[in-house]
Amino acid sequence: MIEITGVTKYYGKFPVLKNCSTSVAKGEVVVVCGPSGSGKSTLIKCVNALEPIQEGSIRVDGVEVNDPQTNLPELRSLVGMVFQNFELFPHLTIENNIMLAQRIVLNRNQQIARTRTMELLERVGMSGHAHKYPGQLSGGQQQRVAIARALAMNPKAMLFDEPTSALDPEMISEVLDVMTSLASEGMTMMVVTHEMGFARRVATRMVFIDQGEIVEDRPTEEFFTARHNPRTEAFLGKILHH
């Protein structure tokens, strides 16, 4: 579903990604982890062309992401994206936040878009909040709405960029529960997160990035039990003991 081949990206002269290659098969959940500033969020943003790349290739369901001929709004409807800070429109109700892209990008009529919206709000446990505004919701509730908004486009894959990092600890589990449910239903997912308990429970594979390089790319249980690279050992030694 997602093929990343030899991707290099620069900020000015600084290489933030260096010859990165990995893939996500249909139905796989791949967790990307690594220290702050390692390039993991940049990598996931490159997948739906929120960040351009200078070298290499990214294909999503056979579509070359960085081809100038690629229809990016259409591509982004295939790949849902959930950000750290929700990115909901504060002046729109929850219902209208979820309906907007359905109307504009998918050309759904008002009734079909509203029906789909209410189905998804029910799906993420937010059906009683359709007429509220984002500022009236907790962080965990806003992130569940953001997941519903991404799902409204009927994506073939979902990207999550540290979806719980801006949340209070007691709100993290409600978002991870929705993500776990999506994974159990076979949604293809690429997730940047430090939530190692979630990763070990849900991920098919683990990708570890350090200083812009993919250092490890292994099946999940092997990643946690048979580590060899000292950079991975150092990272997990810190994160698993806190």
C-alpha atoms as a PDB file:
ATOM      1  CA  MET A   1       0.000   0.000   0.000  1.00  0.00           C
ATOM      2  CA  ILE A   2       2.866   2.383   0.882  1.00  0.00           C
ATOM      3  CA  GLU A   3       6.330   2.026  -0.681  1.00  0.00           C
ATOM      4  CA  ILE A   4       9.159   4.300   0.446  1.00  0.00           C
ATOM      5  CA  THR A   5      12.356   3.805  -1.563  1.00  0.00           C
ATOM      6  CA  GLY A   6      15.668   5.615  -1.085  1.00  0.00           C
ATOM      7  CA  VAL A   7      14.046   8.788   0.252  1.00  0.00           C
ATOM      8  CA  THR A   8      16.365  11.674   1.091  1.00  0.00           C
ATOM      9  CA  LYS A   9      15.111  15.061   2.212  1.00  0.00           C
ATOM     10  CA  TYR A  10      16.986  18.250   3.014  1.00  0.00           C
ATOM     11  CA  TYR A  11      16.133  21.361   4.998  1.00  0.00           C
ATOM     12  CA  GLY A  12      18.513  23.732   3.259  1.00  0.00           C
ATOM     13  CA  LYS A  13      21.777  21.786   3.257  1.00  0.00           C
ATOM     14  CA  PHE A  14      20.864  19.658   6.279  1.00  0.00           C
ATOM     15  CA  PRO A  15      19.723  16.103   5.436  1.00  0.00           C
ATOM     16  CA  VAL A  16      16.741  15.344   7.688  1.00  0.00           C
ATOM     17  CA  LEU A  17      16.112  11.984   5.957  1.00  0.00           C
ATOM     18  CA  LYS A  18      18.929   9.876   4.506  1.00  0.00           C
ATOM     19  CA  ASN A  19      18.210   7.128   1.972  1.00  0.00           C
ATOM     20  CA  CYS A  20      15.146   5.808   3.837  1.00  0.00           C
ATOM     21  CA  SER A  21      13.383   2.701   2.518  1.00  0.00           C
ATOM     22  CA  THR A  22      10.473   0.785   4.036  1.00  0.00           C
ATOM     23  CA  SER A  23       6.980  -0.347   3.092  1.00  0.00           C
ATOM     24  CA  VAL A  24       3.545  -0.911   4.584  1.00  0.00           C
ATOM     25  CA  ALA A  25       1.473  -3.753   3.157  1.00  0.00           C
ATOM     26  CA  LYS A  26      -2.325  -3.691   3.031  1.00  0.00           C
ATOM     27  CA  GLY A  27      -3.666  -4.340   6.531  1.00  0.00           C
ATOM     28  CA  GLU A  28      -0.303  -3.814   8.243  1.00  0.00           C
ATOM     29  CA  VAL A  29       0.238  -1.502  11.209  1.00  0.00           C
ATOM     30  CA  VAL A  30       3.784  -0.091  11.151  1.00  0.00           C
ATOM     31  CA  VAL A  31       4.937   1.995  14.111  1.00  0.00           C
ATOM     32  CA  VAL A  32       7.734   4.511  13.497  1.00  0.00           C
ATOM     33  CA  CYS A  33       9.694   5.490  16.596  1.00  0.00           C
ATOM     34  CA  GLY A  34      12.905   7.294  17.450  1.00  0.00           C
ATOM     35  CA  PRO A  35      14.317  10.218  19.430  1.00  0.00           C
ATOM     36  CA  SER A  36      12.929  13.738  19.067  1.00  0.00           C
ATOM     37  CA  GLY A  37      14.296  15.362  15.928  1.00  0.00           C
ATOM     38  CA  SER A  38      15.176  12.024  14.312  1.00  0.00           C
ATOM     39  CA  GLY A  39      13.024  12.648  11.220  1.00  0.00           C
ATOM     40  CA  LYS A  40      10.104  10.313  11.957  1.00  0.00           C
ATOM     41  CA  SER A  41       7.374  12.970  11.681  1.00  0.00           C
ATOM     42  CA  THR A  42       9.005  14.335   8.525  1.00  0.00           C
ATOM     43  CA  LEU A  43       8.963  10.842   6.989  1.00  0.00           C
ATOM     44  CA  ILE A  44       5.253  10.368   7.596  1.00  0.00           C
ATOM     45  CA  LYS A  45       4.460  13.847   6.225  1.00  0.00           C
ATOM     46  CA  CYS A  46       6.347  12.969   3.045  1.00  0.00           C
ATOM     47  CA  VAL A  47       3.974  10.043   2.464  1.00  0.00           C
ATOM     48  CA  ASN A  48       1.100  12.340   1.513  1.00  0.00           C
ATOM     49  CA  ALA A  49       3.322  15.130   0.140  1.00  0.00           C
ATOM     50  CA  LEU A  50       2.929  17.562   3.024  1.00  0.00           C
ATOM     51  CA  GLU A  51       6.727  17.663   2.780  1.00  0.00           C
ATOM     52  CA  PRO A  52       8.527  17.361  -0.586  1.00  0.00           C
ATOM     53  CA  ILE A  53      11.471  15.009  -1.034  1.00  0.00           C
ATOM     54  CA  GLN A  54      14.670  15.644  -2.980  1.00  0.00           C
ATOM     55  CA  GLU A  55      15.648  12.056  -3.794  1.00  0.00           C
ATOM     56  CA  GLY A  56      13.930   8.672  -3.939  1.00  0.00           C
ATOM     57  CA  SER A  57      10.354   7.559  -4.485  1.00  0.00           C
ATOM     58  CA  ILE A  58       7.139   7.237  -2.466  1.00  0.00           C
ATOM     59  CA  ARG A  59       4.183   5.328  -3.887  1.00  0.00           C
ATOM     60  CA  VAL A  60       0.756   5.006  -2.290  1.00  0.00           C
ATOM     61  CA  ASP A  61      -1.487   2.317  -3.767  1.00  0.00           C
ATOM     62  CA  GLY A  62       0.613   2.535  -6.940  1.00  0.00           C
ATOM     63  CA  VAL A  63       0.440   6.353  -7.196  1.00  0.00           C
ATOM     64  CA  GLU A  64       3.777   8.193  -7.337  1.00  0.00           C
ATOM     65  CA  VAL A  65       3.399  10.827  -4.607  1.00  0.00           C
ATOM     66  CA  ASN A  66       6.016  13.258  -5.935  1.00  0.00           C
ATOM     67  CA  ASP A  67       5.026  13.116  -9.586  1.00  0.00           C
ATOM     68  CA  PRO A  68       3.998  16.677 -10.585  1.00  0.00           C
ATOM     69  CA  GLN A  69       1.005  15.128 -12.403  1.00  0.00           C
ATOM     70  CA  THR A  70      -0.352  13.532  -9.203  1.00  0.00           C
ATOM     71  CA  ASN A  71      -3.652  14.951  -7.985  1.00  0.00           C
ATOM     72  CA  LEU A  72      -2.705  15.709  -4.376  1.00  0.00           C
ATOM     73  CA  PRO A  73      -6.232  16.317  -2.993  1.00  0.00           C
ATOM     74  CA  GLU A  74      -7.251  12.959  -4.460  1.00  0.00           C
ATOM     75  CA  LEU A  75      -4.132  11.297  -3.016  1.00  0.00           C
ATOM     76  CA  ARG A  76      -4.782  12.769   0.423  1.00  0.00           C
ATOM     77  CA  SER A  77      -8.323  11.428   0.352  1.00  0.00           C
ATOM     78  CA  LEU A  78      -6.771   7.952  -0.042  1.00  0.00           C
ATOM     79  CA  VAL A  79      -4.443   8.487   2.922  1.00  0.00           C
ATOM     80  CA  GLY A  80      -6.040   9.913   6.063  1.00  0.00           C
ATOM     81  CA  MET A  81      -3.767  12.014   8.291  1.00  0.00           C
ATOM     82  CA  VAL A  82      -4.136  12.641  12.022  1.00  0.00           C
ATOM     83  CA  PHE A  83      -1.839  15.285  13.536  1.00  0.00           C
ATOM     84  CA  GLN A  84      -0.488  15.983  17.020  1.00  0.00           C
ATOM     85  CA  ASN A  85      -2.622  19.081  17.513  1.00  0.00           C
ATOM     86  CA  PHE A  86      -5.947  17.969  15.993  1.00  0.00           C
ATOM     87  CA  GLU A  87      -6.056  20.723  13.304  1.00  0.00           C
ATOM     88  CA  LEU A  88      -9.833  21.117  13.559  1.00  0.00           C
ATOM     89  CA  PHE A  89     -11.439  24.333  12.302  1.00  0.00           C
ATOM     90  CA  PRO A  90     -12.364  26.218  15.513  1.00  0.00           C
ATOM     91  CA  HIS A  91     -15.206  28.196  13.877  1.00  0.00           C
ATOM     92  CA  LEU A  92     -17.033  25.102  12.595  1.00  0.00           C
ATOM     93  CA  THR A  93     -19.124  22.655  14.576  1.00  0.00           C
ATOM     94  CA  ILE A  94     -17.865  19.095  14.928  1.00  0.00           C
ATOM     95  CA  GLU A  95     -20.431  17.973  12.352  1.00  0.00           C
ATOM     96  CA  ASN A  96     -19.299  20.594   9.834  1.00  0.00           C
ATOM     97  CA  ASN A  97     -15.611  19.860  10.458  1.00  0.00           C
ATOM     98  CA  ILE A  98     -16.236  16.293   9.322  1.00  0.00           C
ATOM     99  CA  MET A  99     -18.605  17.182   6.480  1.00  0.00           C
ATOM    100  CA  LEU A 100     -16.460  19.870   4.845  1.00  0.00           C
ATOM    101  CA  ALA A 101     -13.960  17.741   2.889  1.00  0.00           C
ATOM    102  CA  GLN A 102     -16.668  15.216   2.016  1.00  0.00           C
ATOM    103  CA  ARG A 103     -18.623  18.006   0.310  1.00  0.00           C
ATOM    104  CA  ILE A 104     -15.643  19.700  -1.391  1.00  0.00           C
ATOM    105  CA  VAL A 105     -13.316  16.807  -2.289  1.00  0.00           C
ATOM    106  CA  LEU A 106     -15.714  13.869  -2.644  1.00  0.00           C
ATOM    107  CA  ASN A 107     -18.685  15.944  -3.899  1.00  0.00           C
ATOM    108  CA  ARG A 108     -21.073  14.196  -1.529  1.00  0.00           C
ATOM    109  CA  ASN A 109     -24.441  15.837  -1.111  1.00  0.00           C
ATOM    110  CA  GLN A 110     -25.432  17.290   2.247  1.00  0.00           C
ATOM    111  CA  GLN A 111     -27.545  14.354   3.377  1.00  0.00           C
ATOM    112  CA  ILE A 112     -25.043  11.636   2.469  1.00  0.00           C
ATOM    113  CA  ALA A 113     -22.201  13.601   4.101  1.00  0.00           C
ATOM    114  CA  ARG A 114     -24.253  14.146   7.254  1.00  0.00           C
ATOM    115  CA  THR A 115     -25.248  10.471   7.459  1.00  0.00           C
ATOM    116  CA  ARG A 116     -21.617   9.379   7.087  1.00  0.00           C
ATOM    117  CA  THR A 117     -20.554  11.961   9.686  1.00  0.00           C
ATOM    118  CA  MET A 118     -23.012  10.684  12.289  1.00  0.00           C
ATOM    119  CA  GLU A 119     -21.970   7.073  11.629  1.00  0.00           C
ATOM    120  CA  LEU A 120     -18.347   7.987  12.276  1.00  0.00           C
ATOM    121  CA  LEU A 121     -19.071  10.058  15.376  1.00  0.00           C
ATOM    122  CA  GLU A 122     -20.877   7.018  16.748  1.00  0.00           C
ATOM    123  CA  ARG A 123     -17.871   4.907  15.734  1.00  0.00           C
ATOM    124  CA  VAL A 124     -15.431   7.023  17.808  1.00  0.00           C
ATOM    125  CA  GLY A 125     -17.804   7.498  20.739  1.00  0.00           C
ATOM    126  CA  MET A 126     -18.638  11.143  19.992  1.00  0.00           C
ATOM    127  CA  SER A 127     -22.208  10.995  18.671  1.00  0.00           C
ATOM    128  CA  GLY A 128     -23.569  13.353  21.325  1.00  0.00           C
ATOM    129  CA  HIS A 129     -21.189  16.166  20.396  1.00  0.00           C
ATOM    130  CA  ALA A 130     -22.028  16.890  16.744  1.00  0.00           C
ATOM    131  CA  HIS A 131     -23.264  20.446  17.342  1.00  0.00           C
ATOM    132  CA  LYS A 132     -20.464  21.504  19.670  1.00  0.00           C
ATOM    133  CA  TYR A 133     -17.359  23.435  18.640  1.00  0.00           C
ATOM    134  CA  PRO A 134     -13.795  22.102  19.059  1.00  0.00           C
ATOM    135  CA  GLY A 135     -13.076  24.504  21.917  1.00  0.00           C
ATOM    136  CA  GLN A 136     -15.878  22.885  23.931  1.00  0.00           C
ATOM    137  CA  LEU A 137     -14.207  19.471  23.825  1.00  0.00           C
ATOM    138  CA  SER A 138     -11.275  17.924  25.690  1.00  0.00           C
ATOM    139  CA  GLY A 139      -8.091  17.127  23.823  1.00  0.00           C
ATOM    140  CA  GLY A 140      -8.929  13.430  23.685  1.00  0.00           C
ATOM    141  CA  GLN A 141     -12.381  14.192  22.304  1.00  0.00           C
ATOM    142  CA  GLN A 142     -10.929  16.529  19.660  1.00  0.00           C
ATOM    143  CA  GLN A 143      -8.456  13.871  18.554  1.00  0.00           C
ATOM    144  CA  ARG A 144     -11.250  11.296  18.210  1.00  0.00           C
ATOM    145  CA  VAL A 145     -13.124  13.812  16.036  1.00  0.00           C
ATOM    146  CA  ALA A 146      -9.957  14.282  13.963  1.00  0.00           C
ATOM    147  CA  ILE A 147      -9.811  10.507  13.419  1.00  0.00           C
ATOM    148  CA  ALA A 148     -13.473  10.499  12.368  1.00  0.00           C
ATOM    149  CA  ARG A 149     -12.777  13.353   9.936  1.00  0.00           C
ATOM    150  CA  ALA A 150      -9.957  11.383   8.312  1.00  0.00           C
ATOM    151  CA  LEU A 151     -12.110   8.235   8.099  1.00  0.00           C
ATOM    152  CA  ALA A 152     -14.912  10.202   6.414  1.00  0.00           C
ATOM    153  CA  MET A 153     -12.869  10.212   3.206  1.00  0.00           C
ATOM    154  CA  ASN A 154     -12.920   6.378   3.092  1.00  0.00           C
ATOM    155  CA  PRO A 155      -9.109   6.223   3.098  1.00  0.00           C
ATOM    156  CA  LYS A 156      -7.175   3.124   2.084  1.00  0.00           C
ATOM    157  CA  ALA A 157      -4.534   3.899   4.718  1.00  0.00           C
ATOM    158  CA  MET A 158      -4.181   6.115   7.796  1.00  0.00           C
ATOM    159  CA  LEU A 159      -1.154   8.114   8.952  1.00  0.00           C
ATOM    160  CA  PHE A 160      -0.851   9.163  12.594  1.00  0.00           C
ATOM    161  CA  ASP A 161       1.778  11.737  13.610  1.00  0.00           C
ATOM    162  CA  GLU A 162       2.217  11.408  17.391  1.00  0.00           C
ATOM    163  CA  PRO A 163      -1.569  11.481  17.921  1.00  0.00           C
ATOM    164  CA  THR A 164      -1.363  11.351  21.727  1.00  0.00           C
ATOM    165  CA  SER A 165       1.616  13.630  22.404  1.00  0.00           C
ATOM    166  CA  ALA A 166      -0.522  16.719  23.093  1.00  0.00           C
ATOM    167  CA  LEU A 167      -2.928  14.884  25.414  1.00  0.00           C
ATOM    168  CA  ASP A 168      -3.158  14.622  29.183  1.00  0.00           C
ATOM    169  CA  PRO A 169      -2.306  11.078  30.368  1.00  0.00           C
ATOM    170  CA  GLU A 170      -5.901  10.147  31.195  1.00  0.00           C
ATOM    171  CA  MET A 171      -7.021  11.043  27.648  1.00  0.00           C
ATOM    172  CA  ILE A 172      -4.402   8.956  25.846  1.00  0.00           C
ATOM    173  CA  SER A 173      -6.161   5.617  26.277  1.00  0.00           C
ATOM    174  CA  GLU A 174      -9.420   6.795  24.678  1.00  0.00           C
ATOM    175  CA  VAL A 175      -7.552   7.707  21.487  1.00  0.00           C
ATOM    176  CA  LEU A 176      -5.411   4.556  21.496  1.00  0.00           C
ATOM    177  CA  ASP A 177      -8.588   2.477  21.954  1.00  0.00           C
ATOM    178  CA  VAL A 178     -10.021   3.927  18.716  1.00  0.00           C
ATOM    179  CA  MET A 179      -6.737   3.261  16.910  1.00  0.00           C
ATOM    180  CA  THR A 180      -6.584  -0.300  18.259  1.00  0.00           C
ATOM    181  CA  SER A 181     -10.106  -0.891  17.015  1.00  0.00           C
ATOM    182  CA  LEU A 182      -9.183   0.422  13.551  1.00  0.00           C
ATOM    183  CA  ALA A 183      -6.184  -1.899  13.444  1.00  0.00           C
ATOM    184  CA  SER A 184      -8.307  -4.891  14.426  1.00  0.00           C
ATOM    185  CA  GLU A 185     -10.620  -4.121  11.498  1.00  0.00           C
ATOM    186  CA  GLY A 186      -7.699  -4.326   9.060  1.00  0.00           C
ATOM    187  CA  MET A 187      -6.994  -0.638   8.433  1.00  0.00           C
ATOM    188  CA  THR A 188      -3.526  -0.067   6.944  1.00  0.00           C
ATOM    189  CA  MET A 189      -1.759   2.272   9.376  1.00  0.00           C
ATOM    190  CA  MET A 190       1.569   4.045   9.736  1.00  0.00           C
ATOM    191  CA  VAL A 191       1.922   5.501  13.229  1.00  0.00           C
ATOM    192  CA  VAL A 192       4.580   7.772  14.718  1.00  0.00           C
ATOM    193  CA  THR A 193       4.364   7.301  18.482  1.00  0.00           C
ATOM    194  CA  HIS A 194       6.278   6.843  21.728  1.00  0.00           C
ATOM    195  CA  GLU A 195       3.473   4.675  23.148  1.00  0.00           C
ATOM    196  CA  MET A 196       5.445   1.442  23.271  1.00  0.00           C
ATOM    197  CA  GLY A 197       2.685  -0.527  24.996  1.00  0.00           C
ATOM    198  CA  PHE A 198       0.322   0.275  22.138  1.00  0.00           C
ATOM    199  CA  ALA A 199       3.073  -0.486  19.606  1.00  0.00           C
ATOM    200  CA  ARG A 200       3.847  -3.892  21.083  1.00  0.00           C
ATOM    201  CA  ARG A 201       0.156  -4.800  21.249  1.00  0.00           C
ATOM    202  CA  VAL A 202      -0.964  -3.549  17.823  1.00  0.00           C
ATOM    203  CA  ALA A 203       1.981  -3.098  15.435  1.00  0.00           C
ATOM    204  CA  THR A 204       2.926  -5.627  12.789  1.00  0.00           C
ATOM    205  CA  ARG A 205       6.391  -4.087  12.413  1.00  0.00           C
ATOM    206  CA  MET A 206       8.567  -1.487  14.104  1.00  0.00           C
ATOM    207  CA  VAL A 207      10.696   1.054  12.256  1.00  0.00           C
ATOM    208  CA  PHE A 208      13.319   2.898  14.320  1.00  0.00           C
ATOM    209  CA  ILE A 209      14.762   6.161  12.934  1.00  0.00           C
ATOM    210  CA  ASP A 210      17.778   7.983  14.342  1.00  0.00           C
ATOM    211  CA  GLN A 211      19.451  11.053  12.814  1.00  0.00           C
ATOM    212  CA  GLY A 212      17.425  10.679   9.627  1.00  0.00           C
ATOM    213  CA  GLU A 213      18.319   7.037   9.020  1.00  0.00           C
ATOM    214  CA  ILE A 214      16.163   3.927   9.332  1.00  0.00           C
ATOM    215  CA  VAL A 215      18.278   1.920  11.761  1.00  0.00           C
ATOM    216  CA  GLU A 216      15.870  -0.972  12.418  1.00  0.00           C
ATOM    217  CA  ASP A 217      12.885  -2.369  10.495  1.00  0.00           C
ATOM    218  CA  ARG A 218      11.689  -5.577  12.131  1.00  0.00           C
ATOM    219  CA  PRO A 219       8.642  -7.590  13.173  1.00  0.00           C
ATOM    220  CA  THR A 220       7.375  -6.155  16.462  1.00  0.00           C
ATOM    221  CA  GLU A 221       8.185  -8.952  18.887  1.00  0.00           C
ATOM    222  CA  GLU A 222      11.661  -9.354  17.412  1.00  0.00           C
ATOM    223  CA  PHE A 223      12.217  -5.597  17.756  1.00  0.00           C
ATOM    224  CA  PHE A 224      11.483  -5.735  21.486  1.00  0.00           C
ATOM    225  CA  THR A 225      13.243  -9.010  22.300  1.00  0.00           C
ATOM    226  CA  ALA A 226      16.208  -9.360  19.912  1.00  0.00           C
ATOM    227  CA  ARG A 227      17.718  -5.906  19.530  1.00  0.00           C
ATOM    228  CA  HIS A 228      21.205  -5.572  18.143  1.00  0.00           C
ATOM    229  CA  ASN A 229      21.813  -1.956  17.118  1.00  0.00           C
ATOM    230  CA  PRO A 230      23.247   0.085  20.031  1.00  0.00           C
ATOM    231  CA  ARG A 231      21.248   3.182  19.014  1.00  0.00           C
ATOM    232  CA  THR A 232      18.024   1.187  19.318  1.00  0.00           C
ATOM    233  CA  GLU A 233      19.174  -0.302  22.628  1.00  0.00           C
ATOM    234  CA  ALA A 234      19.899   3.162  24.040  1.00  0.00           C
ATOM    235  CA  PHE A 235      16.518   4.554  22.929  1.00  0.00           C
ATOM    236  CA  LEU A 236      14.452   1.670  24.272  1.00  0.00           C
ATOM    237  CA  GLY A 237      16.524   1.526  27.446  1.00  0.00           C
ATOM    238  CA  LYS A 238      15.356   5.055  28.218  1.00  0.00           C
ATOM    239  CA  ILE A 239      11.774   4.923  26.981  1.00  0.00           C
ATOM    240  CA  LEU A 240      10.812   1.552  28.501  1.00  0.00           C
ATOM    241  CA  HIS A 241      11.999   2.532  31.971  1.00  0.00           C
ATOM    242  CA  HIS A 242       9.829   5.639  32.326  1.00  0.00           C
END
